[in-house]
Amino acid sequence: MDFERRRHDHTHLNIAPLVDVVFLLLLFFMLTSHLIQEPAIRIKLPESQTAEAMKESVKTVLITKKGEIYFMDRRVDLKNLRVMIKENFVNTKNEFLRIKADQDVNVGLLISVIDEVRLSGVKNFSIMTERK
């Protein structure tokens, strides 16, 4: 008499490759998160539809929400800003300066900074925004 063998359908799912992929992704994000530099001075830029990506090698003037002014990551008074720009620019007519002002900064302070930049001899400058 022939007995019919019972077939066992194994429905095991091998999750070892999935775990490997998850660990690789975790490792990737942990390593790359340290390479992203966060600015020490936090400002929230206003939004614009025509904003362009920024080159990090360009010299910048930062204006915080509290009205503090930073030139190349050094705190500067408004009256000393012109001197600092002149000291750090070799050719003020051809070099480029970016102004990054918090969206909540006083417009009068922003205009004063722009005046100091122009009086220092810098002809090429822009005011930074974020793309919407």
C-alpha atoms as a PDB file:
ATOM      1  CA  MET A   1       0.000   0.000   0.000  1.00  0.00           C
ATOM      2  CA  ASP A   2       1.420   3.385  -1.011  1.00  0.00           C
ATOM      3  CA  PHE A   3       1.065   6.159   1.436  1.00  0.00           C
ATOM      4  CA  GLU A   4       0.891   9.619   0.044  1.00  0.00           C
ATOM      5  CA  ARG A   5       3.479  11.925   1.515  1.00  0.00           C
ATOM      6  CA  ARG A   6       2.211  15.053   3.026  1.00  0.00           C
ATOM      7  CA  ARG A   7       3.547  18.205   1.404  1.00  0.00           C
ATOM      8  CA  HIS A   8       4.550  20.937   3.713  1.00  0.00           C
ATOM      9  CA  ASP A   9       4.372  24.377   2.188  1.00  0.00           C
ATOM     10  CA  HIS A  10       6.969  26.422   3.937  1.00  0.00           C
ATOM     11  CA  THR A  11       5.991  30.055   3.996  1.00  0.00           C
ATOM     12  CA  HIS A  12       9.113  31.312   5.716  1.00  0.00           C
ATOM     13  CA  LEU A  13      10.400  34.627   4.520  1.00  0.00           C
ATOM     14  CA  ASN A  14      14.121  35.128   4.741  1.00  0.00           C
ATOM     15  CA  ILE A  15      14.578  38.607   6.192  1.00  0.00           C
ATOM     16  CA  ALA A  16      18.363  38.503   6.505  1.00  0.00           C
ATOM     17  CA  PRO A  17      18.919  40.480   3.253  1.00  0.00           C
ATOM     18  CA  LEU A  18      16.330  43.033   4.379  1.00  0.00           C
ATOM     19  CA  VAL A  19      18.127  43.492   7.704  1.00  0.00           C
ATOM     20  CA  ASP A  20      21.419  43.933   5.839  1.00  0.00           C
ATOM     21  CA  VAL A  21      19.922  46.655   3.657  1.00  0.00           C
ATOM     22  CA  VAL A  22      18.444  48.455   6.673  1.00  0.00           C
ATOM     23  CA  PHE A  23      21.802  48.417   8.473  1.00  0.00           C
ATOM     24  CA  LEU A  24      23.570  49.707   5.366  1.00  0.00           C
ATOM     25  CA  LEU A  25      21.072  52.561   5.051  1.00  0.00           C
ATOM     26  CA  LEU A  26      21.460  53.365   8.731  1.00  0.00           C
ATOM     27  CA  LEU A  27      25.239  53.410   8.384  1.00  0.00           C
ATOM     28  CA  PHE A  28      25.032  55.617   5.283  1.00  0.00           C
ATOM     29  CA  PHE A  29      22.815  58.219   6.964  1.00  0.00           C
ATOM     30  CA  MET A  30      24.915  58.220  10.129  1.00  0.00           C
ATOM     31  CA  LEU A  31      28.104  58.867   8.166  1.00  0.00           C
ATOM     32  CA  THR A  32      26.682  61.527   5.857  1.00  0.00           C
ATOM     33  CA  SER A  33      24.884  63.434   8.614  1.00  0.00           C
ATOM     34  CA  HIS A  34      28.253  64.399  10.098  1.00  0.00           C
ATOM     35  CA  LEU A  35      29.439  65.774   6.779  1.00  0.00           C
ATOM     36  CA  ILE A  36      26.605  68.307   6.555  1.00  0.00           C
ATOM     37  CA  GLN A  37      27.763  71.561   8.116  1.00  0.00           C
ATOM     38  CA  GLU A  38      25.173  73.447  10.059  1.00  0.00           C
ATOM     39  CA  PRO A  39      25.861  77.159  10.303  1.00  0.00           C
ATOM     40  CA  ALA A  40      26.720  78.349  13.780  1.00  0.00           C
ATOM     41  CA  ILE A  41      24.579  81.437  13.313  1.00  0.00           C
ATOM     42  CA  ARG A  42      20.961  80.469  12.768  1.00  0.00           C
ATOM     43  CA  ILE A  43      18.836  82.649  10.524  1.00  0.00           C
ATOM     44  CA  LYS A  44      15.619  81.952   8.655  1.00  0.00           C
ATOM     45  CA  LEU A  45      15.891  83.332   5.141  1.00  0.00           C
ATOM     46  CA  PRO A  46      12.863  84.794   3.386  1.00  0.00           C
ATOM     47  CA  GLU A  47      11.422  82.689   0.569  1.00  0.00           C
ATOM     48  CA  SER A  48      11.627  83.446  -3.139  1.00  0.00           C
ATOM     49  CA  GLN A  49      10.561  81.573  -6.268  1.00  0.00           C
ATOM     50  CA  THR A  50      13.704  82.600  -8.184  1.00  0.00           C
ATOM     51  CA  ALA A  51      16.310  81.700  -5.536  1.00  0.00           C
ATOM     52  CA  GLU A  52      19.542  80.033  -6.695  1.00  0.00           C
ATOM     53  CA  ALA A  53      21.906  77.643  -4.951  1.00  0.00           C
ATOM     54  CA  MET A  54      24.660  79.324  -2.953  1.00  0.00           C
ATOM     55  CA  LYS A  55      28.391  78.775  -3.433  1.00  0.00           C
ATOM     56  CA  GLU A  56      30.110  78.416  -0.061  1.00  0.00           C
ATOM     57  CA  SER A  57      33.322  80.163  -1.147  1.00  0.00           C
ATOM     58  CA  VAL A  58      31.578  83.544  -1.403  1.00  0.00           C
ATOM     59  CA  LYS A  59      32.024  85.946   1.516  1.00  0.00           C
ATOM     60  CA  THR A  60      28.817  86.611   3.438  1.00  0.00           C
ATOM     61  CA  VAL A  61      27.306  89.130   5.830  1.00  0.00           C
ATOM     62  CA  LEU A  62      24.737  87.592   8.187  1.00  0.00           C
ATOM     63  CA  ILE A  63      22.064  89.554  10.034  1.00  0.00           C
ATOM     64  CA  THR A  64      20.241  87.671  12.786  1.00  0.00           C
ATOM     65  CA  LYS A  65      16.717  88.194  14.052  1.00  0.00           C
ATOM     66  CA  LYS A  66      18.164  89.992  17.109  1.00  0.00           C
ATOM     67  CA  GLY A  67      19.983  92.496  14.872  1.00  0.00           C
ATOM     68  CA  GLU A  68      23.462  91.026  15.300  1.00  0.00           C
ATOM     69  CA  ILE A  69      25.749  91.403  12.270  1.00  0.00           C
ATOM     70  CA  TYR A  70      28.352  88.778  11.330  1.00  0.00           C
ATOM     71  CA  PHE A  71      30.932  89.041   8.559  1.00  0.00           C
ATOM     72  CA  MET A  72      32.642  85.758   7.676  1.00  0.00           C
ATOM     73  CA  ASP A  73      31.347  84.208  10.944  1.00  0.00           C
ATOM     74  CA  ARG A  74      32.796  87.004  13.120  1.00  0.00           C
ATOM     75  CA  ARG A  75      30.532  89.377  15.007  1.00  0.00           C
ATOM     76  CA  VAL A  76      30.872  92.967  13.798  1.00  0.00           C
ATOM     77  CA  ASP A  77      29.268  96.266  14.729  1.00  0.00           C
ATOM     78  CA  LEU A  78      27.571  98.225  11.963  1.00  0.00           C
ATOM     79  CA  LYS A  79      30.137 101.014  12.241  1.00  0.00           C
ATOM     80  CA  ASN A  80      33.046  98.541  11.839  1.00  0.00           C
ATOM     81  CA  LEU A  81      31.490  96.552   8.984  1.00  0.00           C
ATOM     82  CA  ARG A  82      32.908  98.790   6.261  1.00  0.00           C
ATOM     83  CA  VAL A  83      36.442  98.446   7.650  1.00  0.00           C
ATOM     84  CA  MET A  84      36.147  94.654   7.924  1.00  0.00           C
ATOM     85  CA  ILE A  85      34.946  94.361   4.330  1.00  0.00           C
ATOM     86  CA  LYS A  86      37.772  96.540   3.042  1.00  0.00           C
ATOM     87  CA  GLU A  87      40.323  94.450   4.966  1.00  0.00           C
ATOM     88  CA  ASN A  88      39.029  91.129   3.602  1.00  0.00           C
ATOM     89  CA  PHE A  89      38.467  92.085  -0.026  1.00  0.00           C
ATOM     90  CA  VAL A  90      41.448  92.377  -2.347  1.00  0.00           C
ATOM     91  CA  ASN A  91      39.525  93.846  -5.269  1.00  0.00           C
ATOM     92  CA  THR A  92      36.189  95.256  -4.093  1.00  0.00           C
ATOM     93  CA  LYS A  93      34.994  96.008  -7.623  1.00  0.00           C
ATOM     94  CA  ASN A  94      35.281  92.415  -8.921  1.00  0.00           C
ATOM     95  CA  GLU A  95      34.649  90.255  -5.847  1.00  0.00           C
ATOM     96  CA  PHE A  96      31.167  89.157  -4.753  1.00  0.00           C
ATOM     97  CA  LEU A  97      29.422  89.484  -1.367  1.00  0.00           C
ATOM     98  CA  ARG A  98      26.204  87.835  -0.191  1.00  0.00           C
ATOM     99  CA  ILE A  99      23.922  89.301   2.446  1.00  0.00           C
ATOM    100  CA  LYS A 100      21.885  86.784   4.421  1.00  0.00           C
ATOM    101  CA  ALA A 101      19.300  88.495   6.621  1.00  0.00           C
ATOM    102  CA  ASP A 102      16.674  86.795   8.764  1.00  0.00           C
ATOM    103  CA  GLN A 103      13.168  87.331   7.429  1.00  0.00           C
ATOM    104  CA  ASP A 104      12.161  89.059  10.672  1.00  0.00           C
ATOM    105  CA  VAL A 105      15.060  91.533  10.681  1.00  0.00           C
ATOM    106  CA  ASN A 106      14.313  95.266  10.717  1.00  0.00           C
ATOM    107  CA  VAL A 107      14.349  96.658   7.164  1.00  0.00           C
ATOM    108  CA  GLY A 108      16.150  99.778   8.356  1.00  0.00           C
ATOM    109  CA  LEU A 109      19.035  97.650   9.635  1.00  0.00           C
ATOM    110  CA  LEU A 110      19.180  95.766   6.326  1.00  0.00           C
ATOM    111  CA  ILE A 111      19.333  99.056   4.402  1.00  0.00           C
ATOM    112  CA  SER A 112      22.097 100.301   6.734  1.00  0.00           C
ATOM    113  CA  VAL A 113      24.113  97.127   6.054  1.00  0.00           C
ATOM    114  CA  ILE A 114      23.609  97.560   2.296  1.00  0.00           C
ATOM    115  CA  ASP A 115      24.801 101.164   2.593  1.00  0.00           C
ATOM    116  CA  GLU A 116      27.939 100.062   4.463  1.00  0.00           C
ATOM    117  CA  VAL A 117      28.617  97.391   1.820  1.00  0.00           C
ATOM    118  CA  ARG A 118      28.291  99.966  -0.979  1.00  0.00           C
ATOM    119  CA  LEU A 119      30.429 102.523   0.871  1.00  0.00           C
ATOM    120  CA  SER A 120      33.155  99.895   1.317  1.00  0.00           C
ATOM    121  CA  GLY A 121      33.454  99.751  -2.467  1.00  0.00           C
ATOM    122  CA  VAL A 122      31.775  96.384  -3.127  1.00  0.00           C
ATOM    123  CA  LYS A 123      29.727  96.657  -6.302  1.00  0.00           C
ATOM    124  CA  ASN A 124      28.635  93.008  -6.653  1.00  0.00           C
ATOM    125  CA  PHE A 125      26.403  91.824  -3.832  1.00  0.00           C
ATOM    126  CA  SER A 126      23.101  90.004  -3.466  1.00  0.00           C
ATOM    127  CA  ILE A 127      20.521  89.411  -0.766  1.00  0.00           C
ATOM    128  CA  MET A 128      19.986  85.692  -0.161  1.00  0.00           C
ATOM    129  CA  THR A 129      16.559  84.030  -0.071  1.00  0.00           C
ATOM    130  CA  GLU A 130      15.275  80.449   0.066  1.00  0.00           C
ATOM    131  CA  ARG A 131      13.358  78.809  -2.775  1.00  0.00           C
ATOM    132  CA  LYS A 132       9.688  78.134  -1.980  1.00  0.00           C
END
